[in-house]
């Protein structure tokens, strides 16, 4: 008998370490950027401490620090222009003629009508509620399928459907529990939507229906098709919500880079203009004070790049895990 049981979370299906998965998906992006900045600071401090020549001596005999922060200042200005490119990527999908906008609206409303018919009511406007309603519909239709096959004489088919439905209900319960109370714009909506592995469920229900097609009654075939329709519709909506989240995240990324760039710009400029070998004297915890300052300023000056890295880590991982659409399982 085929195995229709699956893991209920994306992390379990990808077999990734809990901490690494949390870093890629769950952690606040500003917190990840700050953590990376701390690592940069500690690495810079370690290099400065291990270096035979003190940093104050080096600053007195060369313009090394000034050159470093001058290069960073130029990189910050150049990197900030990346925001324009990111915004163009998002805005290019929003700018169009009246005809294009009308066409977008017509396609959207056609699909909304399809989901209205599927749900038997007006589709929710809130993305989390929309996804939740479709998962609930797949739960209901899965139970209807199990009921339709409860009196079949084929014991193997009945057991396979029972196993399939039990796994679907468990996965659906997990996703709906984590969707409850979430707001769009946060990863909390996308994460449980990704946990509900509709691609495997599409494949399994098609396999079940086709392998036993000759012995199914009309009612049972209808139940199979109804469940496949609900899961297929969910797949489309999940991809749509995921794409909206990616656009939302790119807008947040552009704003975050601008905020970080202003801070980094001031710090890098201040280091060039106001700091030299005699600005910070003495030691702190046995380490030259100027090394603390230079290391901290370097970490802050790299913040725009680190913010970019923190966001791209999540978005690239989402894209990798959702490259395909339909019953094609990549993980």
Protein backbone atom coordinates (compact mmCIF):
# COMPACT_ATOMS: atom_id res chain seq x y z
CA UNK A 1 0.00 0.00 0.00
CA UNK A 2 1.25 3.48 -0.86
CA UNK A 3 2.39 5.86 1.86
CA UNK A 4 0.26 9.01 1.90
CA UNK A 5 1.57 10.45 5.17
CA UNK A 6 3.61 13.65 4.93
CA UNK A 7 5.30 16.10 7.28
CA UNK A 8 3.12 19.01 8.39
CA UNK A 9 5.76 21.75 8.17
CA UNK A 10 8.09 23.03 5.48
CA UNK A 11 11.04 22.70 7.86
CA UNK A 12 10.41 18.98 8.35
CA UNK A 13 10.06 18.42 4.61
CA UNK A 14 13.30 20.26 3.82
CA UNK A 15 15.17 18.55 6.67
CA UNK A 16 16.87 21.79 7.75
CA UNK A 17 18.31 22.45 11.19
CA UNK A 18 15.81 24.25 13.47
CA UNK A 19 18.11 27.19 14.19
CA UNK A 20 19.14 27.68 10.58
CA UNK A 21 15.52 27.47 9.42
CA UNK A 22 14.52 30.05 12.03
CA UNK A 23 17.33 32.35 10.87
CA UNK A 24 16.23 32.07 7.23
CA UNK A 25 12.49 32.34 7.80
CA UNK A 26 11.31 33.24 11.28
CA UNK A 27 13.75 35.81 12.66
CA UNK A 28 13.07 39.54 12.40
CA UNK A 29 15.10 40.89 9.47
CA UNK A 30 16.41 43.88 11.43
CA UNK A 31 17.52 41.50 14.20
CA UNK A 32 19.36 39.35 11.65
CA UNK A 33 21.07 42.44 10.23
CA UNK A 34 22.03 43.58 13.73
CA UNK A 35 23.42 40.12 14.51
CA UNK A 36 25.52 40.20 11.36
CA UNK A 37 26.76 43.69 12.32
CA UNK A 38 27.83 42.34 15.71
CA UNK A 39 29.76 39.55 13.98
CA UNK A 40 31.47 42.10 11.72
CA UNK A 41 32.35 44.21 14.79
CA UNK A 42 33.80 41.22 16.67
CA UNK A 43 35.81 40.09 13.64
CA UNK A 44 37.22 43.59 13.19
CA UNK A 45 38.12 43.75 16.88
CA UNK A 46 39.82 40.36 16.69
CA UNK A 47 41.94 41.39 13.69
CA UNK A 48 42.87 44.67 15.39
CA UNK A 49 43.83 42.93 18.63
CA UNK A 50 45.93 40.26 16.94
CA UNK A 51 47.77 42.74 14.70
CA UNK A 52 51.33 43.35 15.89
CA UNK A 53 51.19 47.09 15.19
CA UNK A 54 48.61 49.09 17.11
CA UNK A 55 45.87 50.78 15.12
CA UNK A 56 46.81 54.19 16.57
CA UNK A 57 50.35 53.81 15.23
CA UNK A 58 48.99 52.77 11.84
CA UNK A 59 46.62 55.75 11.74
CA UNK A 60 49.45 58.11 12.62
CA UNK A 61 51.71 56.84 9.82
CA UNK A 62 49.15 56.30 7.05
CA UNK A 63 45.66 57.25 5.88
CA UNK A 64 44.42 53.65 6.01
CA UNK A 65 41.29 54.36 8.06
CA UNK A 66 40.39 57.43 5.99
CA UNK A 67 40.78 55.41 2.79
CA UNK A 68 38.65 52.60 4.21
CA UNK A 69 35.76 54.86 5.16
CA UNK A 70 36.05 56.88 1.96
CA UNK A 71 35.50 53.67 0.03
CA UNK A 72 32.59 52.76 2.28
CA UNK A 73 31.06 56.21 1.78
CA UNK A 74 31.07 55.73 -1.98
CA UNK A 75 29.64 52.23 -1.60
CA UNK A 76 26.83 53.53 0.61
CA UNK A 77 25.83 56.10 -2.01
CA UNK A 78 26.01 53.51 -4.77
CA UNK A 79 24.14 50.93 -2.70
CA UNK A 80 21.37 53.39 -1.88
CA UNK A 81 20.67 53.72 -5.60
CA UNK A 82 19.86 50.01 -5.53
CA UNK A 83 16.64 51.09 -3.84
CA UNK A 84 15.57 52.72 -7.10
CA UNK A 85 16.07 49.44 -8.94
CA UNK A 86 14.12 47.50 -6.32
CA UNK A 87 11.25 49.98 -6.44
CA UNK A 88 11.22 49.85 -10.24
CA UNK A 89 10.85 46.07 -10.01
CA UNK A 90 7.72 46.49 -7.89
CA UNK A 91 6.32 49.57 -9.61
CA UNK A 92 6.73 48.15 -13.10
CA UNK A 93 3.85 45.79 -12.33
CA UNK A 94 1.65 48.65 -11.12
CA UNK A 95 2.21 51.13 -13.93
CA UNK A 96 0.15 50.52 -17.05
CA UNK A 97 -2.51 51.83 -19.37
CA UNK A 98 -6.19 51.94 -18.51
CA UNK A 99 -6.74 48.85 -20.67
CA UNK A 100 -4.08 46.90 -18.80
CA UNK A 101 -5.56 47.88 -15.46
CA UNK A 102 -9.05 46.88 -16.65
CA UNK A 103 -7.70 43.54 -17.84
CA UNK A 104 -6.05 42.93 -14.45
CA UNK A 105 -9.28 43.75 -12.67
CA UNK A 106 -11.33 41.47 -14.95
CA UNK A 107 -9.00 38.52 -14.39
CA UNK A 108 -8.99 39.13 -10.65
CA UNK A 109 -12.77 39.29 -10.44
CA UNK A 110 -13.15 36.18 -12.62
CA UNK A 111 -10.95 34.26 -10.23
CA UNK A 112 -12.78 35.70 -7.23
CA UNK A 113 -16.04 34.46 -8.73
CA UNK A 114 -14.49 31.00 -9.07
CA UNK A 115 -13.49 30.95 -5.41
CA UNK A 116 -16.90 32.34 -4.44
CA UNK A 117 -18.49 29.34 -6.15
CA UNK A 118 -16.00 27.01 -4.46
CA UNK A 119 -16.56 28.43 -0.97
CA UNK A 120 -20.27 28.96 -1.38
CA UNK A 121 -19.95 32.54 -0.13
CA UNK A 122 -18.09 35.76 -0.88
CA UNK A 123 -14.35 35.17 -0.72
CA UNK A 124 -12.67 36.93 2.24
CA UNK A 125 -10.73 40.10 1.44
CA UNK A 126 -8.08 39.49 4.10
CA UNK A 127 -5.26 37.29 2.69
CA UNK A 128 -4.95 35.16 5.84
CA UNK A 129 -8.71 34.56 5.95
CA UNK A 130 -8.72 33.84 2.20
CA UNK A 131 -6.05 31.14 2.58
CA UNK A 132 -7.75 29.79 5.70
CA UNK A 133 -11.13 29.49 3.94
CA UNK A 134 -9.62 27.49 1.09
CA UNK A 135 -7.83 25.14 3.48
CA UNK A 136 -11.11 24.69 5.39
CA UNK A 137 -12.86 23.84 2.11
CA UNK A 138 -10.26 21.20 1.31
CA UNK A 139 -10.81 19.77 4.81
CA UNK A 140 -14.57 19.58 4.25
CA UNK A 141 -14.23 17.98 0.83
CA UNK A 142 -11.67 15.49 2.11
CA UNK A 143 -14.15 14.38 4.76
CA UNK A 144 -16.86 14.14 2.10
CA UNK A 145 -14.55 11.91 0.04
CA UNK A 146 -13.92 9.65 3.03
CA UNK A 147 -17.67 9.40 3.67
CA UNK A 148 -18.34 8.60 0.01
CA UNK A 149 -15.92 5.66 0.20
CA UNK A 150 -16.96 4.40 3.63
CA UNK A 151 -19.13 1.62 2.19
CA UNK A 152 -16.88 0.59 -0.71
CA UNK A 153 -16.02 -3.09 -0.94
CA UNK A 154 -12.40 -2.30 -1.80
CA UNK A 155 -10.69 -2.39 1.57
CA UNK A 156 -7.33 -1.23 0.21
CA UNK A 157 -8.87 1.85 -1.40
CA UNK A 158 -10.75 2.69 1.79
CA UNK A 159 -7.60 2.40 3.91
CA UNK A 160 -5.56 4.51 1.48
CA UNK A 161 -8.21 7.23 1.42
CA UNK A 162 -8.47 7.15 5.22
CA UNK A 163 -4.71 7.59 5.50
CA UNK A 164 -4.70 10.37 2.92
CA UNK A 165 -7.58 12.26 4.57
CA UNK A 166 -6.10 11.88 8.07
CA UNK A 167 -2.80 13.35 6.87
CA UNK A 168 -4.58 16.21 5.05
CA UNK A 169 -6.63 17.08 8.13
CA UNK A 170 -3.56 17.07 10.36
CA UNK A 171 -1.62 19.29 7.96
CA UNK A 172 -4.64 21.60 7.54
CA UNK A 173 -5.13 21.94 11.30
CA UNK A 174 -1.49 22.92 11.75
CA UNK A 175 -1.67 25.55 8.97
CA UNK A 176 -5.00 27.02 10.13
CA UNK A 177 -3.84 27.23 13.76
CA UNK A 178 -0.80 29.28 12.74
CA UNK A 179 -2.83 31.45 10.35
CA UNK A 180 -5.22 32.53 13.11
CA UNK A 181 -4.75 36.19 14.04
CA UNK A 182 -1.97 36.91 11.53
CA UNK A 183 -1.68 40.16 9.57
CA UNK A 184 -0.55 40.52 5.98
CA UNK A 185 2.84 42.17 5.57
CA UNK A 186 4.46 39.80 8.04
CA UNK A 187 5.91 36.42 7.25
CA UNK A 188 3.36 34.87 9.64
CA UNK A 189 0.83 34.62 6.79
CA UNK A 190 3.18 33.06 4.25
CA UNK A 191 4.81 30.56 6.61
CA UNK A 192 1.72 28.41 7.42
CA UNK A 193 0.58 28.73 3.80
CA UNK A 194 3.89 27.13 2.76
CA UNK A 195 3.49 24.46 5.45
CA UNK A 196 0.30 23.22 3.75
CA UNK A 197 1.95 21.11 1.05
CA UNK A 198 -0.73 21.21 -1.62
CA UNK A 199 1.64 19.88 -4.34
CA UNK A 200 2.01 16.49 -2.65
CA UNK A 201 -1.71 16.39 -1.89
CA UNK A 202 -2.54 17.09 -5.54
CA UNK A 203 -0.25 14.29 -6.67
CA UNK A 204 -1.62 11.80 -4.14
CA UNK A 205 -5.31 12.47 -4.85
CA UNK A 206 -4.71 12.19 -8.60
CA UNK A 207 -2.83 8.94 -8.08
CA UNK A 208 -5.61 7.53 -5.92
CA UNK A 209 -8.36 8.54 -8.31
CA UNK A 210 -6.63 7.27 -11.43
CA UNK A 211 -5.43 3.96 -9.97
CA UNK A 212 -8.98 3.01 -8.91
CA UNK A 213 -10.94 4.84 -11.62
CA UNK A 214 -12.68 1.73 -13.01
CA UNK A 215 -14.25 0.70 -9.71
CA UNK A 216 -15.45 4.13 -8.56
CA UNK A 217 -19.09 5.13 -8.63
CA UNK A 218 -20.24 8.45 -10.11
CA UNK A 219 -20.61 9.90 -6.62
CA UNK A 220 -17.12 8.82 -5.64
CA UNK A 221 -15.57 10.25 -8.82
CA UNK A 222 -17.34 13.53 -8.12
CA UNK A 223 -15.91 13.55 -4.57
CA UNK A 224 -12.39 12.98 -5.96
CA UNK A 225 -12.77 15.80 -8.49
CA UNK A 226 -14.24 18.17 -5.87
CA UNK A 227 -11.28 17.68 -3.54
CA UNK A 228 -8.76 18.08 -6.36
CA UNK A 229 -10.52 21.31 -7.39
CA UNK A 230 -10.27 22.72 -3.86
CA UNK A 231 -6.56 21.87 -3.54
CA UNK A 232 -5.81 23.25 -7.01
CA UNK A 233 -7.58 26.51 -6.21
CA UNK A 234 -5.62 26.74 -2.95
CA UNK A 235 -2.35 26.37 -4.89
CA UNK A 236 -3.20 29.35 -7.10
CA UNK A 237 -4.16 31.54 -4.15
CA UNK A 238 -1.08 30.54 -2.18
CA UNK A 239 1.18 31.56 -5.07
CA UNK A 240 -0.70 34.84 -5.42
CA UNK A 241 -0.40 35.65 -1.71
CA UNK A 242 3.27 34.64 -1.77
CA UNK A 243 3.97 36.97 -4.71
CA UNK A 244 2.17 39.83 -2.96
CA UNK A 245 4.29 39.21 0.14
CA UNK A 246 7.50 39.27 -1.93
CA UNK A 247 6.51 42.62 -3.45
CA UNK A 248 5.62 43.92 0.02
CA UNK A 249 8.97 42.69 1.37
CA UNK A 250 10.88 44.37 -1.48
CA UNK A 251 9.22 47.68 -0.62
CA UNK A 252 10.12 47.20 3.06
CA UNK A 253 13.68 46.30 2.02
CA UNK A 254 14.06 49.49 -0.01
CA UNK A 255 12.89 51.59 2.94
CA UNK A 256 15.15 49.71 5.36
CA UNK A 257 18.18 50.24 3.12
CA UNK A 258 17.43 53.97 2.95
CA UNK A 259 17.13 54.23 6.74
CA UNK A 260 20.35 52.28 7.28
CA UNK A 261 22.15 54.23 4.54
CA UNK A 262 21.48 57.57 6.24
CA UNK A 263 22.94 56.30 9.51
CA UNK A 264 25.90 54.66 7.78
CA UNK A 265 26.52 57.77 5.68
CA UNK A 266 26.77 60.00 8.76
CA UNK A 267 29.04 57.56 10.62
CA UNK A 268 31.40 57.00 7.66
CA UNK A 269 31.57 60.73 6.93
CA UNK A 270 32.25 61.49 10.58
CA UNK A 271 35.10 59.01 10.68
CA UNK A 272 36.72 60.62 7.63
CA UNK A 273 36.40 64.21 8.81
CA UNK A 274 36.68 64.10 12.59
CA UNK A 275 38.65 61.01 13.66
CA UNK A 276 42.43 60.66 13.62
CA UNK A 277 45.09 58.96 15.73
CA UNK A 278 44.77 61.48 18.55
CA UNK A 279 40.99 61.71 18.75
CA UNK A 280 40.41 58.75 21.08
CA UNK A 281 43.19 58.06 23.60
CA UNK A 282 43.49 55.53 26.36
CA UNK A 283 42.19 51.99 26.54
CA UNK A 284 38.96 50.20 27.36
CA UNK A 285 39.13 46.68 28.80
CA UNK A 286 42.80 46.61 27.84
CA UNK A 287 42.10 47.44 24.18
CA UNK A 288 42.79 50.78 22.52
CA UNK A 289 39.72 53.03 22.56
CA UNK A 290 40.27 54.02 18.95
CA UNK A 291 40.03 50.36 17.90
CA UNK A 292 36.62 50.12 19.58
CA UNK A 293 35.49 53.22 17.71
CA UNK A 294 36.83 52.18 14.31
CA UNK A 295 35.40 48.67 14.63
CA UNK A 296 31.97 49.95 15.67
CA UNK A 297 31.95 52.56 12.91
CA UNK A 298 32.89 49.92 10.32
CA UNK A 299 30.08 47.63 11.48
CA UNK A 300 27.53 50.46 11.32
CA UNK A 301 28.79 51.56 7.89
CA UNK A 302 28.15 48.06 6.50
CA UNK A 303 24.58 48.05 7.85
CA UNK A 304 22.85 48.80 4.49
CA UNK A 305 24.54 45.78 2.93
CA UNK A 306 23.72 43.60 5.95
CA UNK A 307 20.06 44.63 5.81
CA UNK A 308 20.05 43.66 2.14
CA UNK A 309 21.60 40.28 2.99
CA UNK A 310 19.07 39.58 5.75
CA UNK A 311 16.07 40.20 3.48
CA UNK A 312 17.49 38.37 0.47
CA UNK A 313 18.25 35.30 2.60
CA UNK A 314 14.51 34.91 3.30
CA UNK A 315 13.22 35.87 -0.16
CA UNK A 316 15.72 33.64 -1.97
CA UNK A 317 14.81 30.71 0.27
CA UNK A 318 11.08 31.24 -0.35
CA UNK A 319 11.71 31.37 -4.09
CA UNK A 320 13.79 28.19 -3.94
CA UNK A 321 11.10 26.27 -2.06
CA UNK A 322 8.26 27.43 -4.36
CA UNK A 323 9.85 27.32 -7.81
CA UNK A 324 7.28 24.92 -9.19
CA UNK A 325 3.50 25.14 -9.29
CA UNK A 326 1.20 22.15 -9.25
CA UNK A 327 2.00 18.50 -8.43
CA UNK A 328 5.77 18.81 -8.76
CA UNK A 329 7.67 18.35 -5.48
CA UNK A 330 11.15 19.85 -5.34
CA UNK A 331 11.79 19.16 -1.64
